[in-house]
């Protein structure tokens, strides 16, 4: 998703460039910077989850490119399942919970 930032009457708004809808509104530049930073942090966490769920897909192992469907469908279903949350707090919590679950699962095995 691409963002567009606009300011109106001292408020900061983030708009979805695809739908032109306001995603969030903030009272200060600091607040919007924090939001954008958290978005990047959670993009990274989602990428880590994708790796944990779909490995070895898209990796070169012993000079051979790995192309598997294993786990990709599960990751896609999981991503779709968390898109229904109404608040970023709940959305971020779902990401944190999944990452913790997958990292702990790896330790247990």
C-alpha atoms as a PDB file:
ATOM      1  CA  UNK A   1       0.000   0.000   0.000  1.00  0.00           C
ATOM      2  CA  UNK A   2       1.303   3.449  -0.840  1.00  0.00           C
ATOM      3  CA  UNK A   3       0.713   6.369   1.452  1.00  0.00           C
ATOM      4  CA  UNK A   4       0.091  10.014   0.757  1.00  0.00           C
ATOM      5  CA  UNK A   5       0.462  12.511   3.579  1.00  0.00           C
ATOM      6  CA  UNK A   6      -1.559  15.703   3.784  1.00  0.00           C
ATOM      7  CA  UNK A   7      -1.817  18.443   6.372  1.00  0.00           C
ATOM      8  CA  UNK A   8      -5.040  20.335   7.066  1.00  0.00           C
ATOM      9  CA  UNK A   9      -5.636  22.826   9.858  1.00  0.00           C
ATOM     10  CA  UNK A  10      -2.602  21.600  11.796  1.00  0.00           C
ATOM     11  CA  UNK A  11      -3.600  17.939  11.545  1.00  0.00           C
ATOM     12  CA  UNK A  12      -1.673  15.285   9.681  1.00  0.00           C
ATOM     13  CA  UNK A  13      -3.509  12.718   7.566  1.00  0.00           C
ATOM     14  CA  UNK A  14      -2.331   9.540   5.897  1.00  0.00           C
ATOM     15  CA  UNK A  15      -4.300   8.564   2.821  1.00  0.00           C
ATOM     16  CA  UNK A  16      -4.335   5.296   0.915  1.00  0.00           C
ATOM     17  CA  UNK A  17      -3.295   6.265  -2.620  1.00  0.00           C
ATOM     18  CA  UNK A  18      -5.323   3.414  -4.107  1.00  0.00           C
ATOM     19  CA  UNK A  19      -8.651   4.231  -2.449  1.00  0.00           C
ATOM     20  CA  UNK A  20      -8.053   7.909  -1.525  1.00  0.00           C
ATOM     21  CA  UNK A  21      -9.402   7.082   1.933  1.00  0.00           C
ATOM     22  CA  UNK A  22      -7.960   8.507   5.119  1.00  0.00           C
ATOM     23  CA  UNK A  23      -6.171   5.733   6.991  1.00  0.00           C
ATOM     24  CA  UNK A  24      -5.276   7.713  10.084  1.00  0.00           C
ATOM     25  CA  UNK A  25      -5.158  11.253  11.439  1.00  0.00           C
ATOM     26  CA  UNK A  26      -2.588  12.724  13.811  1.00  0.00           C
ATOM     27  CA  UNK A  27      -2.199  15.882  15.857  1.00  0.00           C
ATOM     28  CA  UNK A  28       1.536  16.296  15.325  1.00  0.00           C
ATOM     29  CA  UNK A  29       4.410  15.461  13.031  1.00  0.00           C
ATOM     30  CA  UNK A  30       5.955  13.352  15.811  1.00  0.00           C
ATOM     31  CA  UNK A  31       2.790  11.231  16.041  1.00  0.00           C
ATOM     32  CA  UNK A  32       2.751  10.545  12.304  1.00  0.00           C
ATOM     33  CA  UNK A  33       6.467   9.703  12.304  1.00  0.00           C
ATOM     34  CA  UNK A  34       5.896   7.194  15.092  1.00  0.00           C
ATOM     35  CA  UNK A  35       3.024   5.620  13.165  1.00  0.00           C
ATOM     36  CA  UNK A  36       5.118   5.343   9.989  1.00  0.00           C
ATOM     37  CA  UNK A  37       8.024   3.864  11.960  1.00  0.00           C
ATOM     38  CA  UNK A  38       5.751   1.233  13.500  1.00  0.00           C
ATOM     39  CA  UNK A  39       4.399   0.397  10.055  1.00  0.00           C
ATOM     40  CA  UNK A  40       7.952  -0.307   8.849  1.00  0.00           C
ATOM     41  CA  UNK A  41       8.719  -2.368  11.962  1.00  0.00           C
ATOM     42  CA  UNK A  42       5.626  -4.491  11.391  1.00  0.00           C
ATOM     43  CA  UNK A  43       6.332  -4.862   7.663  1.00  0.00           C
ATOM     44  CA  UNK A  44       9.622  -6.421   8.747  1.00  0.00           C
ATOM     45  CA  UNK A  45       7.864  -8.684  11.229  1.00  0.00           C
ATOM     46  CA  UNK A  46       5.441  -9.833   8.523  1.00  0.00           C
ATOM     47  CA  UNK A  47       8.399 -10.603   6.257  1.00  0.00           C
ATOM     48  CA  UNK A  48       9.985 -12.640   9.062  1.00  0.00           C
ATOM     49  CA  UNK A  49       6.706 -14.530   9.504  1.00  0.00           C
ATOM     50  CA  UNK A  50       6.577 -15.204   5.764  1.00  0.00           C
ATOM     51  CA  UNK A  51      10.088 -16.668   5.886  1.00  0.00           C
ATOM     52  CA  UNK A  52       9.260 -18.831   8.889  1.00  0.00           C
ATOM     53  CA  UNK A  53       6.074 -20.125   7.278  1.00  0.00           C
ATOM     54  CA  UNK A  54       7.334 -20.694   3.722  1.00  0.00           C
ATOM     55  CA  UNK A  55      11.017 -21.564   4.037  1.00  0.00           C
ATOM     56  CA  UNK A  56      12.876 -22.664   1.884  1.00  0.00           C
ATOM     57  CA  UNK A  57      10.813 -20.974  -0.843  1.00  0.00           C
ATOM     58  CA  UNK A  58      12.784 -18.294  -2.750  1.00  0.00           C
ATOM     59  CA  UNK A  59      16.157 -19.209  -1.179  1.00  0.00           C
ATOM     60  CA  UNK A  60      19.221 -20.633  -2.889  1.00  0.00           C
ATOM     61  CA  UNK A  61      20.375 -23.732  -1.053  1.00  0.00           C
ATOM     62  CA  UNK A  62      23.419 -25.677  -2.239  1.00  0.00           C
ATOM     63  CA  UNK A  63      23.412 -23.663  -5.486  1.00  0.00           C
ATOM     64  CA  UNK A  64      19.783 -24.566  -6.248  1.00  0.00           C
ATOM     65  CA  UNK A  65      16.968 -22.026  -6.230  1.00  0.00           C
ATOM     66  CA  UNK A  66      14.113 -23.328  -4.110  1.00  0.00           C
ATOM     67  CA  UNK A  67      10.582 -22.862  -5.395  1.00  0.00           C
ATOM     68  CA  UNK A  68       7.953 -24.456  -3.209  1.00  0.00           C
ATOM     69  CA  UNK A  69       4.338 -23.832  -2.390  1.00  0.00           C
ATOM     70  CA  UNK A  70       4.820 -25.244   1.063  1.00  0.00           C
ATOM     71  CA  UNK A  71       3.616 -22.700   3.594  1.00  0.00           C
ATOM     72  CA  UNK A  72       2.900 -19.932   1.089  1.00  0.00           C
ATOM     73  CA  UNK A  73      -0.828 -20.644   1.084  1.00  0.00           C
ATOM     74  CA  UNK A  74      -0.848 -20.743   4.893  1.00  0.00           C
ATOM     75  CA  UNK A  75       0.939 -17.391   5.059  1.00  0.00           C
ATOM     76  CA  UNK A  76      -1.503 -15.842   2.583  1.00  0.00           C
ATOM     77  CA  UNK A  77      -4.485 -17.145   4.559  1.00  0.00           C
ATOM     78  CA  UNK A  78      -2.985 -15.815   7.769  1.00  0.00           C
ATOM     79  CA  UNK A  79      -2.371 -12.341   6.263  1.00  0.00           C
ATOM     80  CA  UNK A  80      -5.965 -12.220   5.034  1.00  0.00           C
ATOM     81  CA  UNK A  81      -7.200 -13.335   8.455  1.00  0.00           C
ATOM     82  CA  UNK A  82      -5.637 -10.359  10.243  1.00  0.00           C
ATOM     83  CA  UNK A  83      -6.895  -7.708   7.826  1.00  0.00           C
ATOM     84  CA  UNK A  84     -10.261  -7.520   9.591  1.00  0.00           C
ATOM     85  CA  UNK A  85      -8.986  -5.795  12.744  1.00  0.00           C
ATOM     86  CA  UNK A  86     -10.457  -2.340  13.322  1.00  0.00           C
ATOM     87  CA  UNK A  87      -7.500  -0.989  15.298  1.00  0.00           C
ATOM     88  CA  UNK A  88      -3.796  -0.982  14.652  1.00  0.00           C
ATOM     89  CA  UNK A  89      -3.273  -2.166  18.231  1.00  0.00           C
ATOM     90  CA  UNK A  90      -5.173  -5.401  17.520  1.00  0.00           C
ATOM     91  CA  UNK A  91      -3.500  -5.772  14.115  1.00  0.00           C
ATOM     92  CA  UNK A  92      -0.009  -5.358  15.573  1.00  0.00           C
ATOM     93  CA  UNK A  93      -0.832  -7.722  18.440  1.00  0.00           C
ATOM     94  CA  UNK A  94      -1.879 -10.427  15.962  1.00  0.00           C
ATOM     95  CA  UNK A  95       1.440 -10.025  14.142  1.00  0.00           C
ATOM     96  CA  UNK A  96       3.417 -10.145  17.409  1.00  0.00           C
ATOM     97  CA  UNK A  97       1.517 -13.241  18.549  1.00  0.00           C
ATOM     98  CA  UNK A  98       2.150 -15.092  15.280  1.00  0.00           C
ATOM     99  CA  UNK A  99       5.842 -14.213  15.277  1.00  0.00           C
ATOM    100  CA  UNK A 100       6.202 -15.329  18.892  1.00  0.00           C
ATOM    101  CA  UNK A 101       4.348 -18.565  18.109  1.00  0.00           C
ATOM    102  CA  UNK A 102       6.591 -19.361  15.149  1.00  0.00           C
ATOM    103  CA  UNK A 103       9.833 -18.443  16.892  1.00  0.00           C
ATOM    104  CA  UNK A 104       8.915 -20.498  19.954  1.00  0.00           C
ATOM    105  CA  UNK A 105       7.896 -23.417  17.759  1.00  0.00           C
ATOM    106  CA  UNK A 106      11.337 -23.416  16.165  1.00  0.00           C
ATOM    107  CA  UNK A 107      12.999 -23.475  19.587  1.00  0.00           C
ATOM    108  CA  UNK A 108      10.861 -26.399  20.766  1.00  0.00           C
ATOM    109  CA  UNK A 109      11.632 -28.632  17.757  1.00  0.00           C
END
